[in-house]
All heavy atoms as atom14 arrays in JSON, in Angstrom:
{
  "sequence": "GAERQPHALPAAELRRWFALPAGGERTTLVHVVTDPFADGT",
  "atom14_mask": [
    [1, 1, 1, 1, 0, 0, 0, 0, 0, 0, 0, 0, 0, 0],
    [1, 1, 1, 1, 1, 0, 0, 0, 0, 0, 0, 0, 0, 0],
    [1, 1, 1, 1, 1, 1, 1, 1, 1, 0, 0, 0, 0, 0],
    [1, 1, 1, 1, 1, 1, 1, 1, 1, 1, 1, 0, 0, 0],
    [1, 1, 1, 1, 1, 1, 1, 1, 1, 0, 0, 0, 0, 0],
    [1, 1, 1, 1, 1, 1, 1, 0, 0, 0, 0, 0, 0, 0],
    [1, 1, 1, 1, 1, 1, 1, 1, 1, 1, 0, 0, 0, 0],
    [1, 1, 1, 1, 1, 0, 0, 0, 0, 0, 0, 0, 0, 0],
    [1, 1, 1, 1, 1, 1, 1, 1, 0, 0, 0, 0, 0, 0],
    [1, 1, 1, 1, 1, 1, 1, 0, 0, 0, 0, 0, 0, 0],
    [1, 1, 1, 1, 1, 0, 0, 0, 0, 0, 0, 0, 0, 0],
    [1, 1, 1, 1, 1, 0, 0, 0, 0, 0, 0, 0, 0, 0],
    [1, 1, 1, 1, 1, 1, 1, 1, 1, 0, 0, 0, 0, 0],
    [1, 1, 1, 1, 1, 1, 1, 1, 0, 0, 0, 0, 0, 0],
    [1, 1, 1, 1, 1, 1, 1, 1, 1, 1, 1, 0, 0, 0],
    [1, 1, 1, 1, 1, 1, 1, 1, 1, 1, 1, 0, 0, 0],
    [1, 1, 1, 1, 1, 1, 1, 1, 1, 1, 1, 1, 1, 1],
    [1, 1, 1, 1, 1, 1, 1, 1, 1, 1, 1, 0, 0, 0],
    [1, 1, 1, 1, 1, 0, 0, 0, 0, 0, 0, 0, 0, 0],
    [1, 1, 1, 1, 1, 1, 1, 1, 0, 0, 0, 0, 0, 0],
    [1, 1, 1, 1, 1, 1, 1, 0, 0, 0, 0, 0, 0, 0],
    [1, 1, 1, 1, 1, 0, 0, 0, 0, 0, 0, 0, 0, 0],
    [1, 1, 1, 1, 0, 0, 0, 0, 0, 0, 0, 0, 0, 0],
    [1, 1, 1, 1, 0, 0, 0, 0, 0, 0, 0, 0, 0, 0],
    [1, 1, 1, 1, 1, 1, 1, 1, 1, 0, 0, 0, 0, 0],
    [1, 1, 1, 1, 1, 1, 1, 1, 1, 1, 1, 0, 0, 0],
    [1, 1, 1, 1, 1, 1, 1, 0, 0, 0, 0, 0, 0, 0],
    [1, 1, 1, 1, 1, 1, 1, 0, 0, 0, 0, 0, 0, 0],
    [1, 1, 1, 1, 1, 1, 1, 1, 0, 0, 0, 0, 0, 0],
    [1, 1, 1, 1, 1, 1, 1, 0, 0, 0, 0, 0, 0, 0],
    [1, 1, 1, 1, 1, 1, 1, 1, 1, 1, 0, 0, 0, 0],
    [1, 1, 1, 1, 1, 1, 1, 0, 0, 0, 0, 0, 0, 0],
    [1, 1, 1, 1, 1, 1, 1, 0, 0, 0, 0, 0, 0, 0],
    [1, 1, 1, 1, 1, 1, 1, 0, 0, 0, 0, 0, 0, 0],
    [1, 1, 1, 1, 1, 1, 1, 1, 0, 0, 0, 0, 0, 0],
    [1, 1, 1, 1, 1, 1, 1, 0, 0, 0, 0, 0, 0, 0],
    [1, 1, 1, 1, 1, 1, 1, 1, 1, 1, 1, 0, 0, 0],
    [1, 1, 1, 1, 1, 0, 0, 0, 0, 0, 0, 0, 0, 0],
    [1, 1, 1, 1, 1, 1, 1, 1, 0, 0, 0, 0, 0, 0],
    [1, 1, 1, 1, 0, 0, 0, 0, 0, 0, 0, 0, 0, 0],
    [1, 1, 1, 1, 1, 1, 1, 0, 0, 0, 0, 0, 0, 0]
  ],
  "atom14_positions": [
    [[48.02, -8.52, -7.5], [48.82, -7.62, -8.33], [50.07, -7.14, -7.61], [51.1, -6.93, -8.23], [0.0, 0.0, 0.0], [0.0, 0.0, 0.0], [0.0, 0.0, 0.0], [0.0, 0.0, 0.0], [0.0, 0.0, 0.0], [0.0, 0.0, 0.0], [0.0, 0.0, 0.0], [0.0, 0.0, 0.0], [0.0, 0.0, 0.0], [0.0, 0.0, 0.0]],
    [[49.98, -6.99, -6.29], [51.14, -6.55, -5.53], [52.16, -7.67, -5.39], [53.36, -7.42, -5.3], [50.71, -6.06, -4.15], [0.0, 0.0, 0.0], [0.0, 0.0, 0.0], [0.0, 0.0, 0.0], [0.0, 0.0, 0.0], [0.0, 0.0, 0.0], [0.0, 0.0, 0.0], [0.0, 0.0, 0.0], [0.0, 0.0, 0.0], [0.0, 0.0, 0.0]],
    [[51.67, -8.92, -5.4], [52.57, -10.04, -5.24], [53.17, -10.5, -6.56], [54.26, -11.03, -6.6], [51.82, -11.21, -4.59], [51.33, -10.88, -3.18], [50.3, -11.88, -2.69], [49.98, -12.81, -3.46], [49.81, -11.73, -1.56], [0.0, 0.0, 0.0], [0.0, 0.0, 0.0], [0.0, 0.0, 0.0], [0.0, 0.0, 0.0], [0.0, 0.0, 0.0]],
    [[52.42, -10.29, -7.64], [52.89, -10.72, -8.96], [53.16, -9.46, -9.77], [52.26, -8.86, -10.34], [51.83, -11.61, -9.63], [51.6, -12.91, -8.87], [50.53, -13.75, -9.5], [50.86, -14.12, -10.88], [50.68, -15.33, -11.39], [50.18, -16.28, -10.65], [50.98, -15.58, -12.64], [0.0, 0.0, 0.0], [0.0, 0.0, 0.0], [0.0, 0.0, 0.0]],
    [[54.41, -9.06, -9.8], [54.78, -7.75, -10.29], [54.35, -7.42, -11.74], [54.16, -6.26, -12.05], [56.29, -7.54, -10.12], [56.7, -7.38, -8.67], [55.94, -6.28, -7.97], [55.84, -5.18, -8.48], [55.38, -6.57, -6.81], [0.0, 0.0, 0.0], [0.0, 0.0, 0.0], [0.0, 0.0, 0.0], [0.0, 0.0, 0.0], [0.0, 0.0, 0.0]],
    [[54.22, -8.39, -12.64], [53.75, -8.0, -13.98], [52.4, -7.3, -13.96], [52.03, -6.62, -14.91], [53.65, -9.34, -14.72], [54.65, -10.21, -14.03], [54.58, -9.82, -12.59], [0.0, 0.0, 0.0], [0.0, 0.0, 0.0], [0.0, 0.0, 0.0], [0.0, 0.0, 0.0], [0.0, 0.0, 0.0], [0.0, 0.0, 0.0], [0.0, 0.0, 0.0]],
    [[51.63, -7.45, -12.85], [50.32, -6.83, -12.78], [50.3, -5.66, -11.8], [49.25, -5.22, -11.37], [49.27, -7.87, -12.34], [49.29, -9.1, -13.18], [48.96, -9.08, -14.52], [49.62, -10.37, -12.89], [49.08, -10.3, -15.01], [49.49, -11.1, -14.05], [0.0, 0.0, 0.0], [0.0, 0.0, 0.0], [0.0, 0.0, 0.0], [0.0, 0.0, 0.0]],
    [[51.46, -5.16, -11.42], [51.52, -4.09, -10.44], [52.39, -2.96, -10.96], [53.2, -3.13, -11.86], [52.08, -4.62, -9.12], [0.0, 0.0, 0.0], [0.0, 0.0, 0.0], [0.0, 0.0, 0.0], [0.0, 0.0, 0.0], [0.0, 0.0, 0.0], [0.0, 0.0, 0.0], [0.0, 0.0, 0.0], [0.0, 0.0, 0.0], [0.0, 0.0, 0.0]],
    [[52.22, -1.78, -10.37], [53.04, -0.61, -10.7], [53.69, -0.11, -9.41], [53.05, -0.13, -8.34], [52.19, 0.51, -11.31], [51.68, 0.29, -12.72], [50.74, 1.43, -13.12], [52.83, 0.21, -13.71], [0.0, 0.0, 0.0], [0.0, 0.0, 0.0], [0.0, 0.0, 0.0], [0.0, 0.0, 0.0], [0.0, 0.0, 0.0], [0.0, 0.0, 0.0]],
    [[54.92, 0.35, -9.48], [55.56, 0.92, -8.29], [54.79, 2.15, -7.81], [54.18, 2.87, -8.61], [56.96, 1.31, -8.78], [57.16, 0.54, -10.05], [55.81, 0.35, -10.65], [0.0, 0.0, 0.0], [0.0, 0.0, 0.0], [0.0, 0.0, 0.0], [0.0, 0.0, 0.0], [0.0, 0.0, 0.0], [0.0, 0.0, 0.0], [0.0, 0.0, 0.0]],
    [[54.84, 2.4, -6.51], [54.13, 3.55, -5.94], [54.58, 4.85, -6.59], [53.77, 5.75, -6.83], [54.35, 3.59, -4.43], [0.0, 0.0, 0.0], [0.0, 0.0, 0.0], [0.0, 0.0, 0.0], [0.0, 0.0, 0.0], [0.0, 0.0, 0.0], [0.0, 0.0, 0.0], [0.0, 0.0, 0.0], [0.0, 0.0, 0.0], [0.0, 0.0, 0.0]],
    [[55.87, 4.96, -6.9], [56.38, 6.2, -7.51], [55.74, 6.45, -8.87], [55.43, 7.59, -9.23], [57.89, 6.13, -7.65], [0.0, 0.0, 0.0], [0.0, 0.0, 0.0], [0.0, 0.0, 0.0], [0.0, 0.0, 0.0], [0.0, 0.0, 0.0], [0.0, 0.0, 0.0], [0.0, 0.0, 0.0], [0.0, 0.0, 0.0], [0.0, 0.0, 0.0]],
    [[55.51, 5.38, -9.64], [54.88, 5.54, -10.94], [53.4, 5.86, -10.8], [52.85, 6.65, -11.56], [55.08, 4.29, -11.79], [54.59, 4.45, -13.23], [55.02, 3.31, -14.13], [55.91, 2.55, -13.71], [54.46, 3.2, -15.22], [0.0, 0.0, 0.0], [0.0, 0.0, 0.0], [0.0, 0.0, 0.0], [0.0, 0.0, 0.0], [0.0, 0.0, 0.0]],
    [[52.75, 5.25, -9.83], [51.33, 5.53, -9.61], [51.11, 6.98, -9.22], [50.07, 7.57, -9.57], [50.77, 4.61, -8.53], [50.52, 3.17, -8.94], [50.11, 2.34, -7.73], [49.45, 3.09, -10.02], [0.0, 0.0, 0.0], [0.0, 0.0, 0.0], [0.0, 0.0, 0.0], [0.0, 0.0, 0.0], [0.0, 0.0, 0.0], [0.0, 0.0, 0.0]],
    [[52.05, 7.56, -8.5], [51.89, 8.97, -8.07], [51.73, 9.89, -9.26], [51.01, 10.91, -9.18], [53.07, 9.39, -7.21], [52.98, 8.93, -5.76], [53.95, 9.67, -4.87], [55.33, 9.31, -5.15], [55.96, 8.29, -4.56], [55.33, 7.55, -3.67], [57.22, 8.03, -4.84], [0.0, 0.0, 0.0], [0.0, 0.0, 0.0], [0.0, 0.0, 0.0]],
    [[52.38, 9.58, -10.37], [52.25, 10.43, -11.57], [50.82, 10.41, -12.09], [50.32, 11.4, -12.6], [53.21, 9.94, -12.64], [54.69, 10.0, -12.23], [55.54, 9.2, -13.2], [55.4, 9.64, -14.56], [55.47, 8.85, -15.62], [55.67, 7.55, -15.45], [55.34, 9.32, -16.84], [0.0, 0.0, 0.0], [0.0, 0.0, 0.0], [0.0, 0.0, 0.0]],
    [[50.16, 9.25, -11.96], [48.77, 9.16, -12.43], [47.82, 9.83, -11.44], [46.88, 10.52, -11.85], [48.39, 7.68, -12.61], [49.16, 7.02, -13.71], [50.36, 6.38, -13.6], [48.8, 6.96, -15.09], [50.76, 5.91, -14.83], [49.83, 6.25, -15.77], [47.71, 7.42, -15.83], [49.8, 6.0, -17.12], [47.67, 7.17, -17.19], [48.72, 6.47, -17.83]],
    [[48.07, 9.66, -10.14], [47.22, 10.29, -9.13], [47.31, 11.82, -9.18], [46.39, 12.51, -8.76], [47.61, 9.81, -7.72], [47.28, 8.38, -7.46], [48.11, 7.6, -6.67], [46.15, 7.78, -8.01], [47.83, 6.27, -6.42], [45.85, 6.45, -7.77], [46.68, 5.69, -6.98], [0.0, 0.0, 0.0], [0.0, 0.0, 0.0], [0.0, 0.0, 0.0]],
    [[48.43, 12.32, -9.71], [48.63, 13.77, -9.77], [47.9, 14.42, -10.94], [47.91, 15.65, -11.06], [50.12, 14.07, -9.86], [0.0, 0.0, 0.0], [0.0, 0.0, 0.0], [0.0, 0.0, 0.0], [0.0, 0.0, 0.0], [0.0, 0.0, 0.0], [0.0, 0.0, 0.0], [0.0, 0.0, 0.0], [0.0, 0.0, 0.0], [0.0, 0.0, 0.0]],
    [[47.27, 13.64, -11.81], [46.54, 14.23, -12.93], [45.42, 15.13, -12.41], [44.71, 14.78, -11.47], [45.93, 13.12, -13.81], [46.9, 12.36, -14.71], [46.21, 11.13, -15.31], [47.42, 13.27, -15.83], [0.0, 0.0, 0.0], [0.0, 0.0, 0.0], [0.0, 0.0, 0.0], [0.0, 0.0, 0.0], [0.0, 0.0, 0.0], [0.0, 0.0, 0.0]],
    [[45.23, 16.29, -13.03], [44.17, 17.2, -12.56], [42.79, 16.64, -12.85], [42.56, 15.96, -13.85], [44.42, 18.47, -13.39], [45.13, 17.99, -14.62], [45.97, 16.83, -14.18], [0.0, 0.0, 0.0], [0.0, 0.0, 0.0], [0.0, 0.0, 0.0], [0.0, 0.0, 0.0], [0.0, 0.0, 0.0], [0.0, 0.0, 0.0], [0.0, 0.0, 0.0]],
    [[41.87, 16.91, -11.95], [40.48, 16.48, -12.15], [39.72, 17.53, -12.94], [40.03, 18.72, -12.9], [39.82, 16.26, -10.79], [0.0, 0.0, 0.0], [0.0, 0.0, 0.0], [0.0, 0.0, 0.0], [0.0, 0.0, 0.0], [0.0, 0.0, 0.0], [0.0, 0.0, 0.0], [0.0, 0.0, 0.0], [0.0, 0.0, 0.0], [0.0, 0.0, 0.0]],
    [[38.71, 17.08, -13.67], [37.88, 18.01, -14.42], [38.6, 18.62, -15.6], [39.59, 18.08, -16.11], [0.0, 0.0, 0.0], [0.0, 0.0, 0.0], [0.0, 0.0, 0.0], [0.0, 0.0, 0.0], [0.0, 0.0, 0.0], [0.0, 0.0, 0.0], [0.0, 0.0, 0.0], [0.0, 0.0, 0.0], [0.0, 0.0, 0.0], [0.0, 0.0, 0.0]],
    [[38.13, 19.77, -16.06], [38.73, 20.42, -17.2], [38.1, 19.97, -18.51], [37.28, 19.06, -18.55], [0.0, 0.0, 0.0], [0.0, 0.0, 0.0], [0.0, 0.0, 0.0], [0.0, 0.0, 0.0], [0.0, 0.0, 0.0], [0.0, 0.0, 0.0], [0.0, 0.0, 0.0], [0.0, 0.0, 0.0], [0.0, 0.0, 0.0], [0.0, 0.0, 0.0]],
    [[38.51, 20.63, -19.58], [37.95, 20.33, -20.9], [38.52, 19.01, -21.42], [39.72, 18.76, -21.35], [38.28, 21.45, -21.88], [37.63, 21.27, -23.24], [37.95, 22.4, -24.19], [38.78, 23.26, -23.81], [37.39, 22.43, -25.29], [0.0, 0.0, 0.0], [0.0, 0.0, 0.0], [0.0, 0.0, 0.0], [0.0, 0.0, 0.0], [0.0, 0.0, 0.0]],
    [[37.64, 18.17, -21.93], [38.05, 16.87, -22.46], [37.95, 16.91, -23.97], [36.85, 17.02, -24.53], [37.17, 15.76, -21.9], [37.14, 15.71, -20.37], [38.53, 15.48, -19.8], [38.53, 15.33, -18.35], [39.61, 15.19, -17.62], [40.8, 15.18, -18.2], [39.54, 15.06, -16.31], [0.0, 0.0, 0.0], [0.0, 0.0, 0.0], [0.0, 0.0, 0.0]],
    [[39.08, 16.82, -24.64], [39.08, 17.03, -26.1], [39.66, 15.85, -26.88], [39.77, 15.92, -28.1], [39.92, 18.28, -26.45], [41.27, 18.08, -26.01], [39.34, 19.52, -25.78], [0.0, 0.0, 0.0], [0.0, 0.0, 0.0], [0.0, 0.0, 0.0], [0.0, 0.0, 0.0], [0.0, 0.0, 0.0], [0.0, 0.0, 0.0], [0.0, 0.0, 0.0]],
    [[40.01, 14.75, -26.18], [40.73, 13.67, -26.85], [40.15, 12.31, -26.51], [39.81, 12.03, -25.36], [42.22, 13.68, -26.45], [42.75, 14.99, -26.63], [43.02, 12.7, -27.28], [0.0, 0.0, 0.0], [0.0, 0.0, 0.0], [0.0, 0.0, 0.0], [0.0, 0.0, 0.0], [0.0, 0.0, 0.0], [0.0, 0.0, 0.0], [0.0, 0.0, 0.0]],
    [[40.04, 11.46, -27.53], [39.79, 10.04, -27.34], [41.14, 9.34, -27.47], [41.83, 9.52, -28.48], [38.82, 9.5, -28.4], [37.42, 10.13, -28.4], [36.61, 9.59, -29.59], [36.69, 9.83, -27.11], [0.0, 0.0, 0.0], [0.0, 0.0, 0.0], [0.0, 0.0, 0.0], [0.0, 0.0, 0.0], [0.0, 0.0, 0.0], [0.0, 0.0, 0.0]],
    [[41.53, 8.56, -26.47], [42.86, 7.95, -26.44], [42.71, 6.44, -26.65], [41.93, 5.78, -25.96], [43.57, 8.23, -25.11], [44.96, 7.58, -25.1], [43.67, 9.73, -24.86], [0.0, 0.0, 0.0], [0.0, 0.0, 0.0], [0.0, 0.0, 0.0], [0.0, 0.0, 0.0], [0.0, 0.0, 0.0], [0.0, 0.0, 0.0], [0.0, 0.0, 0.0]],
    [[43.49, 5.91, -27.6], [43.5, 4.46, -27.82], [44.93, 3.96, -27.67], [45.85, 4.45, -28.32], [42.99, 4.12, -29.23], [43.08, 2.66, -29.56], [42.57, 1.68, -28.75], [43.63, 2.01, -30.62], [42.79, 0.49, -29.29], [43.43, 0.67, -30.42], [0.0, 0.0, 0.0], [0.0, 0.0, 0.0], [0.0, 0.0, 0.0], [0.0, 0.0, 0.0]],
    [[45.11, 2.99, -26.75], [46.44, 2.44, -26.46], [46.62, 1.17, -27.27], [45.78, 0.27, -27.24], [46.6, 2.16, -24.96], [48.01, 1.7, -24.65], [46.25, 3.41, -24.15], [0.0, 0.0, 0.0], [0.0, 0.0, 0.0], [0.0, 0.0, 0.0], [0.0, 0.0, 0.0], [0.0, 0.0, 0.0], [0.0, 0.0, 0.0], [0.0, 0.0, 0.0]],
    [[47.73, 1.09, -28.0], [47.92, 0.03, -28.99], [49.16, -0.8, -28.66], [50.22, -0.26, -28.35], [48.09, 0.64, -30.4], [48.15, -0.45, -31.45], [46.97, 1.63, -30.7], [0.0, 0.0, 0.0], [0.0, 0.0, 0.0], [0.0, 0.0, 0.0], [0.0, 0.0, 0.0], [0.0, 0.0, 0.0], [0.0, 0.0, 0.0], [0.0, 0.0, 0.0]],
    [[49.01, -2.11, -28.73], [50.16, -3.01, -28.69], [50.42, -3.57, -30.07], [51.51, -3.46, -30.63], [49.94, -4.16, -27.7], [49.69, -3.62, -26.4], [51.15, -5.08, -27.63], [0.0, 0.0, 0.0], [0.0, 0.0, 0.0], [0.0, 0.0, 0.0], [0.0, 0.0, 0.0], [0.0, 0.0, 0.0], [0.0, 0.0, 0.0], [0.0, 0.0, 0.0]],
    [[49.39, -4.17, -30.65], [49.41, -4.67, -32.02], [48.19, -4.07, -32.71], [47.05, -4.45, -32.41], [49.35, -6.19, -32.03], [49.39, -6.78, -33.44], [48.98, -6.09, -34.39], [49.82, -7.93, -33.59], [0.0, 0.0, 0.0], [0.0, 0.0, 0.0], [0.0, 0.0, 0.0], [0.0, 0.0, 0.0], [0.0, 0.0, 0.0], [0.0, 0.0, 0.0]],
    [[48.37, -3.12, -33.64], [47.24, -2.35, -34.17], [46.07, -3.19, -34.66], [44.92, -2.84, -34.42], [47.88, -1.54, -35.3], [49.3, -1.4, -34.9], [49.65, -2.67, -34.19], [0.0, 0.0, 0.0], [0.0, 0.0, 0.0], [0.0, 0.0, 0.0], [0.0, 0.0, 0.0], [0.0, 0.0, 0.0], [0.0, 0.0, 0.0], [0.0, 0.0, 0.0]],
    [[46.34, -4.29, -35.37], [45.23, -5.02, -35.97], [44.77, -6.18, -35.1], [43.71, -6.74, -35.34], [45.61, -5.47, -37.37], [45.88, -4.29, -38.27], [47.17, -3.89, -38.56], [44.83, -3.53, -38.77], [47.41, -2.77, -39.35], [45.06, -2.41, -39.55], [46.36, -2.03, -39.85], [0.0, 0.0, 0.0], [0.0, 0.0, 0.0], [0.0, 0.0, 0.0]],
    [[45.53, -6.51, -34.06], [45.04, -7.48, -33.08], [44.27, -6.77, -31.97], [43.41, -7.37, -31.34], [46.2, -8.26, -32.49], [0.0, 0.0, 0.0], [0.0, 0.0, 0.0], [0.0, 0.0, 0.0], [0.0, 0.0, 0.0], [0.0, 0.0, 0.0], [0.0, 0.0, 0.0], [0.0, 0.0, 0.0], [0.0, 0.0, 0.0], [0.0, 0.0, 0.0]],
    [[44.57, -5.49, -31.75], [43.95, -4.75, -30.66], [42.68, -4.01, -31.08], [42.12, -3.25, -30.29], [44.94, -3.72, -30.09], [46.11, -4.39, -29.39], [45.99, -5.59, -29.08], [47.12, -3.72, -29.16], [0.0, 0.0, 0.0], [0.0, 0.0, 0.0], [0.0, 0.0, 0.0], [0.0, 0.0, 0.0], [0.0, 0.0, 0.0], [0.0, 0.0, 0.0]],
    [[42.26, -4.19, -32.33], [41.04, -3.53, -32.76], [41.24, -2.07, -33.14], [40.26, -1.32, -33.23], [0.0, 0.0, 0.0], [0.0, 0.0, 0.0], [0.0, 0.0, 0.0], [0.0, 0.0, 0.0], [0.0, 0.0, 0.0], [0.0, 0.0, 0.0], [0.0, 0.0, 0.0], [0.0, 0.0, 0.0], [0.0, 0.0, 0.0], [0.0, 0.0, 0.0]],
    [[42.48, -1.66, -33.39], [42.73, -0.26, -33.73], [42.04, 0.13, -35.03], [41.56, 1.26, -35.17], [44.25, -0.01, -33.85], [44.88, -0.46, -32.65], [44.55, 1.46, -34.05], [0.0, 0.0, 0.0], [0.0, 0.0, 0.0], [0.0, 0.0, 0.0], [0.0, 0.0, 0.0], [0.0, 0.0, 0.0], [0.0, 0.0, 0.0], [0.0, 0.0, 0.0]]
  ]
}
């Protein structure tokens, strides 16, 4: 993934994800969509 960039993220972008708070109330189911009816939405 580090050698083939389509499968990698820059360190600066990853830091935003690592900074997410742990724990807390979980109130949402999240579905990420590219093509709604091909992705099973």
